Protein backbone atom coordinates (compact mmCIF):
# COMPACT_ATOMS: atom_id res chain seq x y z
CA UNK A 1 -89.66 38.70 49.05
CA UNK A 2 -87.78 41.41 47.14
CA UNK A 3 -88.30 43.86 49.97
CA UNK A 4 -86.91 41.38 52.55
CA UNK A 5 -83.90 40.56 50.36
CA UNK A 6 -83.16 44.25 49.90
CA UNK A 7 -83.39 45.04 53.60
CA UNK A 8 -81.60 41.93 54.95
CA UNK A 9 -78.85 41.53 52.39
CA UNK A 10 -78.37 44.33 49.86
CA UNK A 11 -78.52 47.29 52.27
CA UNK A 12 -76.14 45.70 54.86
CA UNK A 13 -73.73 44.58 52.14
CA UNK A 14 -73.50 48.09 50.68
CA UNK A 15 -73.11 49.58 54.13
CA UNK A 16 -70.40 47.22 55.39
CA UNK A 17 -68.75 47.07 51.97
CA UNK A 18 -67.82 50.70 52.17
CA UNK A 19 -64.38 50.05 53.71
CA UNK A 20 -60.77 50.31 52.49
CA UNK A 21 -60.16 46.55 52.35
CA UNK A 22 -63.22 45.74 50.25
CA UNK A 23 -62.62 48.73 47.98
CA UNK A 24 -58.98 47.66 47.49
CA UNK A 25 -60.17 44.15 46.70
CA UNK A 26 -62.53 45.50 44.07
CA UNK A 27 -59.75 47.56 42.54
CA UNK A 28 -57.33 44.58 42.48
CA UNK A 29 -59.95 42.32 40.89
CA UNK A 30 -60.85 44.93 38.29
CA UNK A 31 -57.24 45.64 37.36
CA UNK A 32 -56.30 41.96 37.15
CA UNK A 33 -59.44 41.08 35.19
CA UNK A 34 -58.99 43.85 32.63
CA UNK A 35 -55.29 42.99 32.19
CA UNK A 36 -56.03 39.28 31.67
CA UNK A 37 -58.82 39.95 29.21
CA UNK A 38 -56.58 42.32 27.28
CA UNK A 39 -53.79 39.70 27.10
CA UNK A 40 -56.22 37.02 25.96
CA UNK A 41 -57.48 39.28 23.17
CA UNK A 42 -53.92 40.05 22.06
CA UNK A 43 -53.08 36.35 22.16
CA UNK A 44 -56.24 35.52 20.21
CA UNK A 45 -55.83 38.08 17.45
CA UNK A 46 -52.14 38.85 17.61
CA UNK A 47 -48.88 36.94 17.46
CA UNK A 48 -48.41 34.39 20.28
CA UNK A 49 -45.52 35.05 22.61
CA UNK A 50 -43.24 32.13 23.52
CA UNK A 51 -41.87 33.75 26.68
CA UNK A 52 -42.66 31.22 29.47
CA UNK A 53 -42.62 33.89 32.17
CA UNK A 54 -45.47 35.76 30.48
CA UNK A 55 -47.46 32.57 30.83
CA UNK A 56 -46.68 32.43 34.55
CA UNK A 57 -47.78 36.07 34.96
CA UNK A 58 -51.00 35.92 32.93
CA UNK A 59 -52.09 32.35 33.65
CA UNK A 60 -51.01 31.93 37.27
CA UNK A 61 -50.11 35.16 39.07
CA UNK A 62 -52.83 37.44 37.72
CA UNK A 63 -55.61 34.84 38.23
CA UNK A 64 -54.36 34.44 41.81
CA UNK A 65 -54.51 38.23 42.28
CA UNK A 66 -57.99 38.28 40.74
CA UNK A 67 -59.26 35.66 43.21
CA UNK A 68 -57.42 37.42 46.07
CA UNK A 69 -59.23 40.64 45.23
CA UNK A 70 -62.58 38.85 45.27
CA UNK A 71 -61.76 37.35 48.67
CA UNK A 72 -60.77 40.73 50.09
CA UNK A 73 -64.28 42.08 49.47
CA UNK A 74 -66.11 39.74 51.97
CA UNK A 75 -63.08 39.86 54.32
CA UNK A 76 -63.38 43.68 54.48
CA UNK A 77 -67.13 43.35 55.07
CA UNK A 78 -66.58 40.89 57.93
CA UNK A 79 -63.87 43.00 59.58
CA UNK A 80 -65.92 46.23 59.42
CA UNK A 81 -69.02 44.50 60.74
CA UNK A 82 -67.11 42.99 63.66
CA UNK A 83 -65.49 46.34 64.57
CA UNK A 84 -68.80 48.18 64.49
CA UNK A 85 -70.46 45.39 66.44
CA UNK A 86 -67.77 45.55 69.15
CA UNK A 87 -68.15 49.31 69.32
CA UNK A 88 -71.94 49.04 69.38
CA UNK A 89 -72.21 51.25 66.31
CA UNK A 90 -74.27 49.03 64.01
CA UNK A 91 -77.28 51.13 62.99
CA UNK A 92 -80.75 49.89 63.83
CA UNK A 93 -81.70 50.60 60.25
CA UNK A 94 -79.31 50.56 57.34
CA UNK A 95 -79.37 53.36 54.74
CA UNK A 96 -82.37 52.97 52.53
CA UNK A 97 -82.13 51.85 48.95
CA UNK A 98 -84.27 53.76 46.53
CA UNK A 99 -84.76 51.78 43.34
CA UNK A 100 -86.54 54.77 41.91
CA UNK A 101 -83.16 56.49 41.85
CA UNK A 102 -81.89 56.02 38.25
CA UNK A 103 -78.23 56.35 39.23
CA UNK A 104 -78.61 53.70 41.91
CA UNK A 105 -80.29 51.31 39.49
CA UNK A 106 -77.43 51.79 37.05
CA UNK A 107 -75.03 51.02 39.88
CA UNK A 108 -76.82 47.76 40.59
CA UNK A 109 -76.71 46.90 36.89
CA UNK A 110 -72.98 47.46 36.88
CA UNK A 111 -72.54 45.25 39.96
CA UNK A 112 -74.62 42.51 38.32
CA UNK A 113 -72.68 42.65 35.05
CA UNK A 114 -69.38 42.76 36.94
CA UNK A 115 -70.38 39.66 38.92
CA UNK A 116 -71.20 37.75 35.73
CA UNK A 117 -67.94 38.88 34.12
CA UNK A 118 -65.99 37.88 37.26
CA UNK A 119 -67.48 34.39 37.14
CA UNK A 120 -66.55 34.06 33.49
CA UNK A 121 -63.05 35.37 34.09
CA UNK A 122 -62.45 33.00 37.03
CA UNK A 123 -63.69 30.08 34.94
CA UNK A 124 -61.53 30.99 31.94
CA UNK A 125 -58.51 31.76 34.13
CA UNK A 126 -58.83 28.42 35.93
CA UNK A 127 -59.03 26.58 32.62
CA UNK A 128 -56.15 28.48 31.03
CA UNK A 129 -54.02 28.17 34.16
CA UNK A 130 -54.53 24.40 34.34
CA UNK A 131 -53.83 24.05 30.63
CA UNK A 132 -50.68 26.17 30.88
CA UNK A 133 -49.33 24.12 33.81
CA UNK A 134 -49.72 21.02 31.61
CA UNK A 135 -47.76 22.53 28.70
CA UNK A 136 -44.16 21.60 27.85
CA UNK A 137 -43.30 25.29 27.95
CA UNK A 138 -44.28 25.48 31.62
CA UNK A 139 -42.61 22.18 32.53
CA UNK A 140 -39.32 22.93 30.81
CA UNK A 141 -38.81 26.57 29.90
CA UNK A 142 -40.13 28.27 33.03
CA UNK A 143 -38.03 26.12 35.39
CA UNK A 144 -34.25 26.44 34.95
CA UNK A 145 -33.79 23.15 36.83
CA UNK A 146 -35.32 21.27 33.89
CA UNK A 147 -33.14 23.00 31.30
CA UNK A 148 -31.14 19.86 30.36
CA UNK A 149 -34.25 17.69 30.03
CA UNK A 150 -36.17 20.35 28.10
CA UNK A 151 -33.26 21.00 25.70
CA UNK A 152 -32.97 17.30 24.89
CA UNK A 153 -36.76 17.01 24.59
CA UNK A 154 -36.96 19.76 21.96
CA UNK A 155 -34.60 17.90 19.59
CA UNK A 156 -36.02 14.42 20.27
CA UNK A 157 -38.44 12.37 18.19
CA UNK A 158 -41.02 12.91 20.98
CA UNK A 159 -40.91 16.71 20.88
CA UNK A 160 -44.55 16.74 19.72
CA UNK A 161 -45.70 14.78 22.78
CA UNK A 162 -46.64 16.88 25.82
CA UNK A 163 -44.69 16.14 29.03
CA UNK A 164 -47.88 15.29 30.92
CA UNK A 165 -48.68 12.50 28.47
CA UNK A 166 -45.86 10.45 30.04
CA UNK A 167 -45.29 12.01 33.44
CA UNK A 168 -48.91 12.45 34.57
CA UNK A 169 -51.60 9.82 34.30
CA UNK A 170 -55.28 10.37 33.62
CA UNK A 171 -57.80 10.93 36.38
CA UNK A 172 -58.10 13.10 39.45
CA UNK A 173 -55.73 11.01 41.58
CA UNK A 174 -52.86 11.27 39.08
CA UNK A 175 -53.43 15.00 38.69
CA UNK A 176 -53.48 15.50 42.46
CA UNK A 177 -50.29 13.44 42.96
CA UNK A 178 -48.57 15.39 40.20
CA UNK A 179 -49.46 18.74 41.77
CA UNK A 180 -48.33 17.59 45.21
CA UNK A 181 -45.02 16.45 43.68
CA UNK A 182 -44.81 19.74 41.79
CA UNK A 183 -45.31 21.69 45.01
CA UNK A 184 -42.54 19.71 46.64
CA UNK A 185 -40.25 20.50 43.70
CA UNK A 186 -41.18 24.18 43.89
CA UNK A 187 -40.13 24.28 47.54
CA UNK A 188 -36.86 22.53 46.66
CA UNK A 189 -36.15 25.10 43.95
CA UNK A 190 -37.09 28.02 46.19
CA UNK A 191 -34.65 26.89 48.89
CA UNK A 192 -32.00 25.59 46.47
CA UNK A 193 -32.40 22.03 47.74
CA UNK A 194 -32.93 20.28 44.41
CA UNK A 195 -30.49 17.58 43.24
CA UNK A 196 -27.86 18.28 40.61
CA UNK A 197 -28.17 16.58 38.21
CA UNK A 198 -31.84 15.54 38.24
CA UNK A 199 -31.79 11.81 39.06
CA UNK A 200 -32.48 9.32 36.30
CA UNK A 201 -34.48 7.15 35.82
CA UNK A 202 -37.71 8.66 37.09
CA UNK A 203 -38.89 6.39 39.90
CA UNK A 204 -42.59 7.26 39.76
CA UNK A 205 -42.92 7.06 35.98
CA UNK A 206 -45.99 5.09 34.93
CA UNK A 207 -45.56 1.68 33.25
CA UNK A 208 -44.88 1.66 29.52
CA UNK A 209 -48.26 0.01 28.86
CA UNK A 210 -49.88 3.22 30.04
CA UNK A 211 -47.62 5.63 28.11
CA UNK A 212 -45.47 4.21 25.30
CA UNK A 213 -48.09 1.69 24.17
CA UNK A 214 -50.63 4.45 23.72
CA UNK A 215 -48.84 5.29 20.45
CA UNK A 216 -46.58 2.28 19.83
CA UNK A 217 -48.40 -1.00 19.34
CA UNK A 218 -46.43 -3.61 21.35
CA UNK A 219 -47.58 -6.55 19.19
CA UNK A 220 -46.70 -4.93 15.88
CA UNK A 221 -44.21 -6.80 13.69
CA UNK A 222 -41.45 -4.33 12.88
CA UNK A 223 -39.11 -6.74 11.10
CA UNK A 224 -35.64 -5.58 10.12
CA UNK A 225 -34.11 -2.12 10.30
CA UNK A 226 -31.02 -0.90 8.45
CA UNK A 227 -28.75 1.31 10.52
CA UNK A 228 -25.85 3.28 9.02
CA UNK A 229 -23.46 5.00 11.40
CA UNK A 230 -20.63 7.29 10.32
CA UNK A 231 -17.40 7.88 12.23
CA UNK A 232 -14.58 10.32 11.55
CA UNK A 233 -10.90 9.84 12.37
CA UNK A 234 -8.54 12.26 14.08
CA UNK A 235 -6.34 12.69 11.02
CA UNK A 236 -5.99 15.77 8.85
CA UNK A 237 -8.68 14.68 6.38
CA UNK A 238 -11.17 13.57 9.05
CA UNK A 239 -11.33 10.21 7.27
CA UNK A 240 -14.91 8.95 7.28
CA UNK A 241 -15.79 5.30 7.81
CA UNK A 242 -19.19 3.72 8.12
CA UNK A 243 -20.69 0.76 9.93
CA UNK A 244 -23.79 -0.87 8.48
CA UNK A 245 -25.99 -2.98 10.74
CA UNK A 246 -29.24 -4.81 10.21
CA UNK A 247 -31.21 -4.84 13.45
CA UNK A 248 -33.61 -7.71 14.01
CA UNK A 249 -36.32 -5.69 15.71
CA UNK A 250 -38.95 -8.38 15.09
CA UNK A 251 -42.11 -8.35 17.19
CA UNK A 252 -45.13 -10.63 16.82
CA UNK A 253 -45.30 -12.18 13.36
CA UNK A 254 -48.42 -13.32 11.47
CA UNK A 255 -48.20 -16.72 13.18
CA UNK A 256 -48.12 -15.08 16.65
CA UNK A 257 -44.48 -16.05 17.10
CA UNK A 258 -42.30 -13.75 19.20
CA UNK A 259 -39.21 -12.90 17.17
CA UNK A 260 -36.32 -10.48 17.18
CA UNK A 261 -35.34 -7.96 19.87
CA UNK A 262 -38.85 -6.71 20.60
CA UNK A 263 -40.42 -10.15 20.33
CA UNK A 264 -38.10 -11.78 22.85
CA UNK A 265 -38.55 -9.00 25.36
CA UNK A 266 -42.31 -8.95 24.97
CA UNK A 267 -42.19 -12.17 27.03
CA UNK A 268 -42.54 -11.46 30.74
CA UNK A 269 -39.06 -10.63 32.02
CA UNK A 270 -38.29 -9.53 35.55
CA UNK A 271 -34.95 -8.28 36.76
CA UNK A 272 -33.26 -6.93 39.84
CA UNK A 273 -31.08 -3.85 39.56
CA UNK A 274 -28.63 -3.12 42.34
CA UNK A 275 -27.79 0.49 41.46
CA UNK A 276 -29.99 3.61 41.13
CA UNK A 277 -29.41 3.98 37.37
CA UNK A 278 -30.44 0.38 36.64
CA UNK A 279 -27.10 -0.23 34.97
CA UNK A 280 -26.07 -3.18 37.14
CA UNK A 281 -28.47 -6.11 36.63
CA UNK A 282 -27.11 -9.30 38.21
CA UNK A 283 -30.41 -11.29 38.22
CA UNK A 284 -33.00 -11.87 35.47
CA UNK A 285 -36.02 -14.16 35.30
CA UNK A 286 -37.78 -14.98 32.03
CA UNK A 287 -41.29 -16.39 31.70
CA UNK A 288 -41.69 -18.43 28.50
CA UNK A 289 -44.91 -18.68 26.42
CA UNK A 290 -45.74 -22.06 28.01
CA UNK A 291 -45.63 -20.52 31.46
CA UNK A 292 -42.31 -22.01 32.53
CA UNK A 293 -39.68 -19.76 34.13
CA UNK A 294 -35.90 -19.64 34.21
CA UNK A 295 -33.79 -17.42 36.45
CA UNK A 296 -30.39 -16.26 35.21
CA UNK A 297 -27.87 -14.92 37.72
CA UNK A 298 -24.37 -13.52 37.55
CA UNK A 299 -21.67 -15.85 38.81
CA UNK A 300 -20.73 -13.45 41.58
CA UNK A 301 -24.10 -14.10 43.29
CA UNK A 302 -23.29 -17.78 43.87
CA UNK A 303 -26.92 -18.78 43.74
CA UNK A 304 -28.24 -15.99 46.01
CA UNK A 305 -30.95 -13.53 45.01
CA UNK A 306 -29.55 -9.98 45.31
CA UNK A 307 -31.12 -7.09 47.18
CA UNK A 308 -32.31 -4.27 44.93
CA UNK A 309 -35.15 -2.89 42.84
CA UNK A 310 -37.20 -5.65 41.26
CA UNK A 311 -39.35 -4.74 38.28
CA UNK A 312 -41.00 -6.12 35.18
CA UNK A 313 -38.99 -5.12 32.12
CA UNK A 314 -40.76 -2.79 29.71
CA UNK A 315 -39.87 -0.31 26.94
CA UNK A 316 -38.27 2.22 29.31
CA UNK A 317 -35.66 -0.25 30.52
CA UNK A 318 -33.88 -0.06 27.13
CA UNK A 319 -35.38 3.13 25.67
CA UNK A 320 -34.59 4.88 28.95
CA UNK A 321 -33.88 8.28 27.35
CA UNK A 322 -36.55 8.17 24.66
CA UNK A 323 -37.42 11.87 24.93
CA UNK A 324 -34.30 13.13 26.73
CA UNK A 325 -31.32 11.57 24.98
CA UNK A 326 -27.86 12.83 25.96
CA UNK A 327 -25.13 11.74 23.55
CA UNK A 328 -21.46 11.08 24.12
CA UNK A 329 -19.03 13.68 22.75
CA UNK A 330 -17.85 11.25 20.07
CA UNK A 331 -21.33 10.31 18.92
CA UNK A 332 -22.58 13.89 18.91
CA UNK A 333 -19.60 15.17 16.93
CA UNK A 334 -19.75 12.33 14.41
CA UNK A 335 -23.44 12.93 13.87
CA UNK A 336 -22.97 16.67 13.42
CA UNK A 337 -20.23 16.07 10.84
CA UNK A 338 -22.25 13.39 9.01
CA UNK A 339 -25.20 15.79 8.78
CA UNK A 340 -23.01 18.65 7.55
CA UNK A 341 -23.50 20.91 10.55
CA UNK A 342 -19.69 20.79 10.85
CA UNK A 343 -18.02 20.43 7.45
CA UNK A 344 -15.72 17.41 7.38
CA UNK A 345 -13.74 19.09 4.59
CA UNK A 346 -12.22 21.35 7.23
CA UNK A 347 -8.80 19.81 8.13
CA UNK A 348 -8.32 18.50 11.68
CA UNK A 349 -11.78 19.65 12.74
CA UNK A 350 -12.68 16.29 14.31
CA UNK A 351 -9.58 16.05 16.48
CA UNK A 352 -9.64 19.67 17.56
CA UNK A 353 -13.39 19.76 17.91
CA UNK A 354 -13.42 16.73 20.21
CA UNK A 355 -10.77 18.30 22.43
CA UNK A 356 -12.80 21.50 22.70
CA UNK A 357 -16.00 19.60 23.47
CA UNK A 358 -14.35 17.65 26.26
CA UNK A 359 -12.69 20.67 27.81
CA UNK A 360 -14.02 22.02 31.10
CA UNK A 361 -16.18 25.16 31.12
CA UNK A 362 -17.62 26.71 34.25
CA UNK A 363 -20.82 27.89 32.57
CA UNK A 364 -22.69 27.49 29.30
CA UNK A 365 -22.00 31.15 28.54
CA UNK A 366 -18.24 30.53 28.87
CA UNK A 367 -18.46 27.57 26.47
CA UNK A 368 -20.33 29.69 23.91
CA UNK A 369 -17.49 32.19 23.90
CA UNK A 370 -14.43 29.97 24.29
CA UNK A 371 -15.25 27.10 21.89
CA UNK A 372 -15.47 29.17 18.65
CA UNK A 373 -12.69 31.52 19.81
CA UNK A 374 -10.27 28.67 20.56
CA UNK A 375 -11.14 26.87 17.30
CA UNK A 376 -10.37 30.04 15.35
CA UNK A 377 -7.16 30.50 17.35
CA UNK A 378 -6.12 26.92 16.52
CA UNK A 379 -6.37 27.56 12.79
CA UNK A 380 -4.76 30.98 13.15
CA UNK A 381 -1.73 29.48 14.89
CA UNK A 382 -1.39 26.05 13.23
CA UNK A 383 -3.08 26.43 9.84
CA UNK A 384 -3.33 30.12 8.86
CA UNK A 385 -3.75 29.14 5.21
CA UNK A 386 -6.93 27.19 6.04
CA UNK A 387 -8.33 30.11 8.04
CA UNK A 388 -7.53 32.54 5.21
CA UNK A 389 -9.11 30.32 2.56
CA UNK A 390 -12.17 29.12 4.54
CA UNK A 391 -13.06 31.57 7.32
CA UNK A 392 -16.75 30.74 6.79
CA UNK A 393 -16.17 27.04 7.40
CA UNK A 394 -14.24 27.76 10.60
CA UNK A 395 -17.00 30.05 11.82
CA UNK A 396 -19.78 27.55 11.06
CA UNK A 397 -17.74 24.76 12.66
CA UNK A 398 -17.46 26.81 15.84
CA UNK A 399 -21.20 27.39 15.85
CA UNK A 400 -21.80 23.67 15.27
CA UNK A 401 -19.52 22.72 18.18
CA UNK A 402 -21.37 25.16 20.43
CA UNK A 403 -24.68 23.59 19.45
CA UNK A 404 -23.35 20.09 20.15
CA UNK A 405 -22.02 21.17 23.54
CA UNK A 406 -25.07 23.15 24.69
CA UNK A 407 -27.51 20.34 23.81
CA UNK A 408 -25.58 17.75 25.81
CA UNK A 409 -23.62 19.46 28.61
CA UNK A 410 -25.08 21.73 31.30
CA UNK A 411 -22.46 22.87 33.83
CA UNK A 412 -24.98 24.62 36.09
CA UNK A 413 -26.85 21.34 36.62
CA UNK A 414 -23.64 19.23 36.70
CA UNK A 415 -24.66 17.34 33.56
CA UNK A 416 -21.63 16.41 31.47
CA UNK A 417 -20.74 13.76 28.91
CA UNK A 418 -21.93 10.38 30.19
CA UNK A 419 -23.93 11.67 33.16
CA UNK A 420 -27.12 10.08 31.80
CA UNK A 421 -26.40 6.71 30.14
CA UNK A 422 -28.48 5.61 27.16
CA UNK A 423 -29.22 1.86 27.35
CA UNK A 424 -29.99 1.41 23.62
CA UNK A 425 -27.14 -0.61 22.09
CA UNK A 426 -23.89 -1.39 23.83
CA UNK A 427 -21.18 0.77 22.26
CA UNK A 428 -21.09 3.85 24.50
CA UNK A 429 -22.67 2.35 27.63
CA UNK A 430 -23.27 -1.21 28.93
CA UNK A 431 -26.82 -1.19 27.53
CA UNK A 432 -27.56 -4.69 26.25
CA UNK A 433 -24.50 -6.07 28.03
CA UNK A 434 -26.15 -5.42 31.37
CA UNK A 435 -27.77 -8.83 30.81
CA UNK A 436 -26.14 -10.19 27.62
CA UNK A 437 -22.67 -10.35 29.12
CA UNK A 438 -22.14 -14.12 28.96
CA UNK A 439 -22.12 -14.30 32.76
CA UNK A 440 -25.88 -14.71 33.39
CA UNK A 441 -26.57 -18.45 33.68
CA UNK A 442 -29.38 -20.60 35.07
CA UNK A 443 -29.01 -22.30 38.44
CA UNK A 444 -28.19 -25.68 36.88
CA UNK A 445 -25.84 -24.12 34.35
CA UNK A 446 -27.75 -25.55 31.36
CA UNK A 447 -28.94 -22.19 30.03
CA UNK A 448 -27.47 -18.73 29.71
CA UNK A 449 -28.55 -15.38 28.34
CA UNK A 450 -27.16 -15.41 24.85
CA UNK A 451 -24.26 -13.22 23.81
CA UNK A 452 -24.58 -14.23 20.15
CA UNK A 453 -24.39 -10.99 18.12
CA UNK A 454 -26.55 -12.42 15.33
CA UNK A 455 -29.46 -12.83 17.74
CA UNK A 456 -30.01 -9.06 17.62
CA UNK A 457 -28.19 -7.86 14.50
CA UNK A 458 -26.02 -8.67 11.52
CA UNK A 459 -22.94 -6.59 10.83
CA UNK A 460 -22.75 -5.88 7.09
CA UNK A 461 -19.79 -3.50 7.38
CA UNK A 462 -17.66 -2.32 10.28
CA UNK A 463 -15.72 0.95 10.03
CA UNK A 464 -15.30 0.70 6.27
CA UNK A 465 -14.62 3.60 3.92
CA UNK A 466 -17.48 3.72 1.42
CA UNK A 467 -18.89 0.22 2.17
CA UNK A 468 -19.77 -1.74 -0.93
CA UNK A 469 -23.04 -2.89 0.62
CA UNK A 470 -24.32 0.68 0.60
CA UNK A 471 -23.56 1.19 -3.09
CA UNK A 472 -25.21 -2.18 -3.81
CA UNK A 473 -28.31 -0.93 -2.03
CA UNK A 474 -28.20 2.36 -3.90
CA UNK A 475 -27.50 4.38 -0.74
CA UNK A 476 -25.09 7.30 -1.04
């Protein structure tokens, strides 16, 4: 058996394998394998590197070269065998193998060990490559097209949730579909055919019951939530006012009653949107707990059912930017000032800051330079005493404005203020008023979608300076 294997397989393989293509394949495989193993050891015992392009090199390109080298070995054997066969130069008997030769035995040992190592390297590289392609770093940082979404993701409440948890389902079919879609996107990027900005919402996103509800229990009773929102005026002192709202989030109470915002929308609601962003919703149908249904339509429809996307309402229809929120310039600036990133003690900083944020910049790099420079120039020209007394505040304000701008506006991808509406609330975008506009009524006119503010929230204070309710609650 051993003699037959040696004569029919080992001796021909060694003879035909002695060709430039197979030898080059062995060299490529060896070089790629040693480099990958070295990187893995450094990563294991050293400091991890956050550069996404290193991941592409060591988890995707080098494994591909490693496999390519392995494939070149049998390809070279096949080509040499075919050439010798066509020339009639295949020997009747291949060079003998002498296992008594110690050097030859050591060579076979090396080949055997190298084969085992290659199998281990391919297995590890396949695993690491698949894991890397599922990482947020690969999805966001390695692809400049996703820069706006990745930037918003990193500062969101869902920054600890991997992209694939929401965008790719479980199972082989979901994985295959995701990779096919990813290949399509890669071709679009390579030929500069991708849309600017990236369309929103994502059409093939899985239902919320498969993603959101994996962490957020839909039947949980949330109850009430206190919301305090600060706003700053355009006067010299950046006068701060606050609005205090109690949101009736509700849910399913201990008696299984559906209450509040979440509770009402846990009932089966279908709607038809007539625009790609799902902002225009002229038709809604609600299924009540007893199974009865009522359709509410905008008066402009005159009883007709509109053409458009029909879907069952879920979390994403209101929380449409849960992990990729883009703020308005006003909201972003007010928040930065309320949190102290931009000191409200700096005179006129709200008015001037808002003008700088809304100005047009060709690139992000241009905004990084011009915003702090123009803010400093404003104080140098109009308020030199402020600049002389508080140069540090002016500098930090410029840095804060740059941060606000670069986390919400991306000129290269044509993302500016308001490009991606956020449907939570109804102050900056239609949001709730897409349906709660007072114009959605039933066919017989006996019912309408409520526009009563108290159904969703109570206003405890509206744009008040130091609201008394906050001091009563012991909130500074």
